[in-house]
């Protein structure tokens, strides 16, 4: 048995013990939906951050290009 399997089994036993002691009944129902929603939100935040970064980089590049084109066009 690998260390990962052993650790997973120990965690499951601990969770089961805690649930038995507290009287909580826990299942995996709905876990996939919640995990998917969290993944979608994280992806949306990363996408928004990437768009902001791209927009700023593009604005800076556009300003530099216009300045260089003006400098080249003005010297000829």
C-alpha atoms as a PDB file:
ATOM      1  CA  UNK A   1       0.000   0.000   0.000  1.00  0.00           C
ATOM      2  CA  UNK A   2       1.407   3.381  -0.960  1.00  0.00           C
ATOM      3  CA  UNK A   3       1.729   6.298   1.428  1.00  0.00           C
ATOM      4  CA  UNK A   4      -0.960   8.155  -0.519  1.00  0.00           C
ATOM      5  CA  UNK A   5      -3.473   5.342  -0.106  1.00  0.00           C
ATOM      6  CA  UNK A   6      -2.633   4.961   3.561  1.00  0.00           C
ATOM      7  CA  UNK A   7      -2.996   8.697   4.181  1.00  0.00           C
ATOM      8  CA  UNK A   8      -6.323   8.767   2.315  1.00  0.00           C
ATOM      9  CA  UNK A   9      -7.646   5.862   4.390  1.00  0.00           C
ATOM     10  CA  UNK A  10      -6.547   7.514   7.629  1.00  0.00           C
ATOM     11  CA  UNK A  11      -8.252  10.768   6.661  1.00  0.00           C
ATOM     12  CA  UNK A  12     -11.470   8.926   5.787  1.00  0.00           C
ATOM     13  CA  UNK A  13     -11.379   7.054   9.097  1.00  0.00           C
ATOM     14  CA  UNK A  14     -10.825  10.321  10.988  1.00  0.00           C
ATOM     15  CA  UNK A  15     -13.681  12.043   9.171  1.00  0.00           C
ATOM     16  CA  UNK A  16     -15.938   9.056   9.849  1.00  0.00           C
ATOM     17  CA  UNK A  17     -14.992   9.081  13.524  1.00  0.00           C
ATOM     18  CA  UNK A  18     -15.645  12.833  13.833  1.00  0.00           C
ATOM     19  CA  UNK A  19     -18.977  12.527  12.028  1.00  0.00           C
ATOM     20  CA  UNK A  20     -20.007   9.676  14.331  1.00  0.00           C
ATOM     21  CA  UNK A  21     -19.035  11.659  17.442  1.00  0.00           C
ATOM     22  CA  UNK A  22     -20.816  14.838  16.313  1.00  0.00           C
ATOM     23  CA  UNK A  23     -23.846  13.083  14.859  1.00  0.00           C
ATOM     24  CA  UNK A  24     -23.354  14.576  11.435  1.00  0.00           C
ATOM     25  CA  UNK A  25     -24.275  12.547   8.418  1.00  0.00           C
ATOM     26  CA  UNK A  26     -22.199  13.537   5.453  1.00  0.00           C
ATOM     27  CA  UNK A  27     -22.309  12.278   1.927  1.00  0.00           C
ATOM     28  CA  UNK A  28     -20.758  13.102  -1.393  1.00  0.00           C
ATOM     29  CA  UNK A  29     -24.031  14.131  -2.975  1.00  0.00           C
ATOM     30  CA  UNK A  30     -23.646  17.475  -4.747  1.00  0.00           C
ATOM     31  CA  UNK A  31     -19.892  17.500  -4.331  1.00  0.00           C
ATOM     32  CA  UNK A  32     -19.255  17.484  -8.081  1.00  0.00           C
ATOM     33  CA  UNK A  33     -21.553  20.437  -8.683  1.00  0.00           C
ATOM     34  CA  UNK A  34     -19.914  22.481  -5.949  1.00  0.00           C
ATOM     35  CA  UNK A  35     -16.411  21.622  -7.135  1.00  0.00           C
ATOM     36  CA  UNK A  36     -17.327  22.534 -10.695  1.00  0.00           C
ATOM     37  CA  UNK A  37     -18.801  25.858  -9.586  1.00  0.00           C
ATOM     38  CA  UNK A  38     -15.647  26.691  -7.646  1.00  0.00           C
ATOM     39  CA  UNK A  39     -13.472  25.758 -10.633  1.00  0.00           C
ATOM     40  CA  UNK A  40     -15.593  27.950 -12.924  1.00  0.00           C
ATOM     41  CA  UNK A  41     -15.309  30.911 -10.556  1.00  0.00           C
ATOM     42  CA  UNK A  42     -11.548  30.517 -10.246  1.00  0.00           C
ATOM     43  CA  UNK A  43     -11.240  30.299 -14.034  1.00  0.00           C
ATOM     44  CA  UNK A  44     -13.405  33.412 -14.431  1.00  0.00           C
ATOM     45  CA  UNK A  45     -11.243  35.400 -12.007  1.00  0.00           C
ATOM     46  CA  UNK A  46      -8.068  34.271 -13.770  1.00  0.00           C
ATOM     47  CA  UNK A  47      -9.593  35.200 -17.137  1.00  0.00           C
ATOM     48  CA  UNK A  48     -10.587  38.642 -15.867  1.00  0.00           C
ATOM     49  CA  UNK A  49      -7.102  39.234 -14.476  1.00  0.00           C
ATOM     50  CA  UNK A  50      -5.556  38.136 -17.770  1.00  0.00           C
ATOM     51  CA  UNK A  51      -7.837  40.515 -19.705  1.00  0.00           C
ATOM     52  CA  UNK A  52      -6.869  43.456 -17.478  1.00  0.00           C
ATOM     53  CA  UNK A  53      -3.176  42.630 -17.889  1.00  0.00           C
ATOM     54  CA  UNK A  54      -3.549  42.214 -21.652  1.00  0.00           C
ATOM     55  CA  UNK A  55      -5.450  45.506 -21.957  1.00  0.00           C
ATOM     56  CA  UNK A  56      -2.741  47.390 -20.042  1.00  0.00           C
ATOM     57  CA  UNK A  57       0.079  45.775 -22.017  1.00  0.00           C
ATOM     58  CA  UNK A  58      -1.702  46.503 -25.304  1.00  0.00           C
ATOM     59  CA  UNK A  59      -2.264  50.136 -24.297  1.00  0.00           C
ATOM     60  CA  UNK A  60       1.409  50.589 -23.425  1.00  0.00           C
ATOM     61  CA  UNK A  61       2.547  48.899 -26.655  1.00  0.00           C
ATOM     62  CA  UNK A  62       0.143  50.989 -28.711  1.00  0.00           C
ATOM     63  CA  UNK A  63       1.495  54.185 -27.156  1.00  0.00           C
ATOM     64  CA  UNK A  64       5.088  53.122 -27.822  1.00  0.00           C
ATOM     65  CA  UNK A  65       4.308  52.174 -31.435  1.00  0.00           C
ATOM     66  CA  UNK A  66       2.572  55.489 -32.112  1.00  0.00           C
ATOM     67  CA  UNK A  67       5.528  57.350 -30.593  1.00  0.00           C
ATOM     68  CA  UNK A  68       8.058  55.443 -32.705  1.00  0.00           C
ATOM     69  CA  UNK A  69       6.016  55.834 -35.895  1.00  0.00           C
ATOM     70  CA  UNK A  70       5.723  59.560 -35.202  1.00  0.00           C
ATOM     71  CA  UNK A  71       9.431  59.819 -34.546  1.00  0.00           C
ATOM     72  CA  UNK A  72      10.323  57.926 -37.721  1.00  0.00           C
ATOM     73  CA  UNK A  73       7.784  59.866 -39.818  1.00  0.00           C
ATOM     74  CA  UNK A  74       8.874  63.207 -38.407  1.00  0.00           C
ATOM     75  CA  UNK A  75      12.558  62.725 -39.128  1.00  0.00           C
ATOM     76  CA  UNK A  76      12.102  61.965 -42.835  1.00  0.00           C
END
